[in-house]
Amino acid sequence: MPRCLRAHGFANITIPPEQAEPDGNFPTCPYPNPEIFEALRLGLELAKKSGADLMLATDPDADRVGIAMKCPDGSYELVSGNEMGVLLLDYICAGRIEQGTMPKDPVMCKSIVSTPRWPASLAGMMIFAC
C-alpha cells in the first residue's frame, strides 16, 4: 500500500512499526478487519501522535479499508463503508457535473445493502435496485 500511495504523489506516509511488515498471524489485532476499532488501534495512536489528517488501514489483501478523519477538535472519527461510498459517489458526480460529462439522464444502481444516504449531486438521478 505505501508503494502505491507514493506512486500517486503521497509522500508523508507514516506506518506503525509493528505493522510495517505483513504477518499472517496478525499479532497486533484480534481480527484483521480494518472496519473494527481494535484493528485500527495502533494506526489511530500513531495518527494522534503525528497529527495526521487522515488514517487509512487495509486488511491483508487490501479489499477492505478502515478510514479515520481528523476532526476540528483534534479527535478522529471513523468513516463507515457507507459513508465512504457516498463521499466517493459525490466526488465522481460533482466532477462529472463540473466537466460537463454527466449523462443527461444519469442512473445509479444499488443493492439491498446500499446506504439510504445519497449526496446532493444525485438529485434527480434515477436510482435502481439491482
Protein backbone atom coordinates (compact mmCIF):
# COMPACT_ATOMS: atom_id res chain seq x y z
CA MET A 1 0.00 0.00 0.00
CA PRO A 2 2.74 2.57 0.80
CA ARG A 3 4.33 1.97 -2.59
CA CYS A 4 1.00 2.58 -4.32
CA LEU A 5 0.38 5.78 -2.34
CA ARG A 6 3.87 7.10 -3.09
CA ALA A 7 3.41 6.31 -6.79
CA HIS A 8 0.35 8.57 -6.74
CA GLY A 9 2.13 11.51 -5.14
CA PHE A 10 1.62 10.93 -1.43
CA ALA A 11 4.93 11.48 0.33
CA ASN A 12 4.13 11.93 4.03
CA ILE A 13 3.19 8.34 4.92
CA THR A 14 3.64 7.00 8.44
CA ILE A 15 3.17 3.33 9.32
CA PRO A 16 3.07 1.76 12.79
CA PRO A 17 6.38 -0.13 13.03
CA GLU A 18 4.57 -3.17 14.44
CA GLN A 19 2.50 -3.38 11.25
CA ALA A 20 5.08 -2.37 8.63
CA GLU A 21 5.74 -5.94 7.51
CA PRO A 22 2.95 -8.41 6.64
CA ASP A 23 2.41 -11.12 9.25
CA GLY A 24 -0.31 -13.70 8.62
CA ASN A 25 -0.62 -14.32 12.37
CA PHE A 26 -1.90 -10.76 12.89
CA PRO A 27 -0.21 -10.29 16.28
CA THR A 28 -1.29 -6.65 16.62
CA CYS A 29 -5.06 -7.14 16.45
CA PRO A 30 -7.60 -9.81 17.36
CA TYR A 31 -9.06 -9.98 13.85
CA PRO A 32 -7.68 -8.46 10.61
CA ASN A 33 -10.76 -6.45 9.67
CA PRO A 34 -9.96 -2.73 9.26
CA GLU A 35 -13.62 -1.92 9.83
CA ILE A 36 -13.37 -2.75 13.54
CA PHE A 37 -11.87 -0.32 16.04
CA GLU A 38 -9.39 -2.72 17.64
CA ALA A 39 -7.73 -3.42 14.28
CA LEU A 40 -7.23 0.35 13.88
CA ARG A 41 -5.91 0.99 17.39
CA LEU A 42 -2.18 1.24 16.52
CA GLY A 43 -2.89 3.35 13.45
CA LEU A 44 -5.10 5.73 15.41
CA GLU A 45 -2.49 6.06 18.16
CA LEU A 46 0.16 6.92 15.57
CA ALA A 47 -2.21 9.33 13.78
CA LYS A 48 -2.82 11.20 17.05
CA LYS A 49 0.89 11.25 17.89
CA SER A 50 1.90 12.52 14.44
CA GLY A 51 -1.09 14.84 13.95
CA ALA A 52 -2.15 13.07 10.75
CA ASP A 53 -5.20 14.45 8.92
CA LEU A 54 -6.23 11.02 7.66
CA MET A 55 -5.62 7.44 8.76
CA LEU A 56 -6.07 4.54 6.33
CA ALA A 57 -5.77 0.84 7.08
CA THR A 58 -6.40 -2.18 4.88
CA ASP A 59 -6.93 -5.85 5.54
CA PRO A 60 -4.16 -8.20 4.36
CA ASP A 61 -5.38 -8.48 0.77
CA ALA A 62 -6.45 -4.80 0.63
CA ASP A 63 -10.08 -5.44 -0.33
CA ARG A 64 -11.39 -3.60 2.76
CA VAL A 65 -10.31 -0.29 4.18
CA GLY A 66 -10.67 1.43 7.50
CA ILE A 67 -10.59 5.22 7.48
CA ALA A 68 -10.46 7.83 10.22
CA MET A 69 -10.56 11.59 9.61
CA LYS A 70 -9.17 14.21 11.95
CA CYS A 71 -11.91 16.45 13.36
CA PRO A 72 -11.50 20.17 14.11
CA ASP A 73 -11.20 19.38 17.85
CA GLY A 74 -8.25 17.02 17.17
CA SER A 75 -10.20 13.79 17.70
CA TYR A 76 -10.58 11.17 14.98
CA GLU A 77 -13.86 9.94 13.57
CA LEU A 78 -14.15 6.56 11.87
CA VAL A 79 -15.75 6.66 8.43
CA SER A 80 -18.07 3.76 7.67
CA GLY A 81 -18.09 1.95 4.36
CA ASN A 82 -21.47 3.51 3.55
CA GLU A 83 -20.19 6.99 4.33
CA MET A 84 -17.12 6.44 2.15
CA GLY A 85 -19.32 5.17 -0.67
CA VAL A 86 -21.43 8.34 -0.50
CA LEU A 87 -18.31 10.55 -0.44
CA LEU A 88 -16.79 8.77 -3.45
CA LEU A 89 -20.04 8.85 -5.41
CA ASP A 90 -20.46 12.56 -4.65
CA TYR A 91 -16.86 13.21 -5.78
CA ILE A 92 -17.44 11.36 -9.06
CA CYS A 93 -20.79 13.04 -9.74
CA ALA A 94 -19.59 16.54 -8.83
CA GLY A 95 -16.54 16.08 -11.08
CA ARG A 96 -18.66 14.93 -14.00
CA ILE A 97 -21.07 17.85 -13.50
CA GLU A 98 -18.14 20.29 -13.36
CA GLN A 99 -16.60 18.82 -16.53
CA GLY A 100 -19.92 18.65 -18.34
CA THR A 101 -19.70 14.87 -18.73
CA MET A 102 -22.65 13.86 -16.55
CA PRO A 103 -25.16 11.98 -18.75
CA LYS A 104 -28.47 13.74 -19.44
CA ASP A 105 -30.37 11.03 -17.55
CA PRO A 106 -27.86 9.56 -15.09
CA VAL A 107 -28.57 6.25 -13.40
CA MET A 108 -27.20 4.67 -10.25
CA CYS A 109 -27.76 1.07 -9.20
CA LYS A 110 -27.89 -0.03 -5.59
CA SER A 111 -28.30 -3.30 -3.77
CA ILE A 112 -30.24 -4.19 -0.63
CA VAL A 113 -27.14 -3.37 1.44
CA SER A 114 -26.57 0.07 -0.10
CA THR A 115 -26.91 3.04 2.19
CA PRO A 116 -30.11 5.11 2.02
CA ARG A 117 -27.95 8.28 2.24
CA TRP A 118 -27.32 9.98 -1.09
CA PRO A 119 -25.20 13.03 -1.87
CA ALA A 120 -26.89 16.22 -3.13
CA SER A 121 -25.19 15.71 -6.51
CA LEU A 122 -27.58 12.79 -7.12
CA ALA A 123 -30.68 15.00 -7.08
CA GLY A 124 -32.90 13.96 -9.96
CA MET A 125 -30.89 10.80 -10.72
CA MET A 126 -32.73 7.56 -11.41
CA ILE A 127 -31.80 5.01 -8.72
CA PHE A 128 -32.45 1.33 -9.45
CA ALA A 129 -32.25 -1.58 -7.06
CA CYS A 130 -30.14 -4.33 -8.57
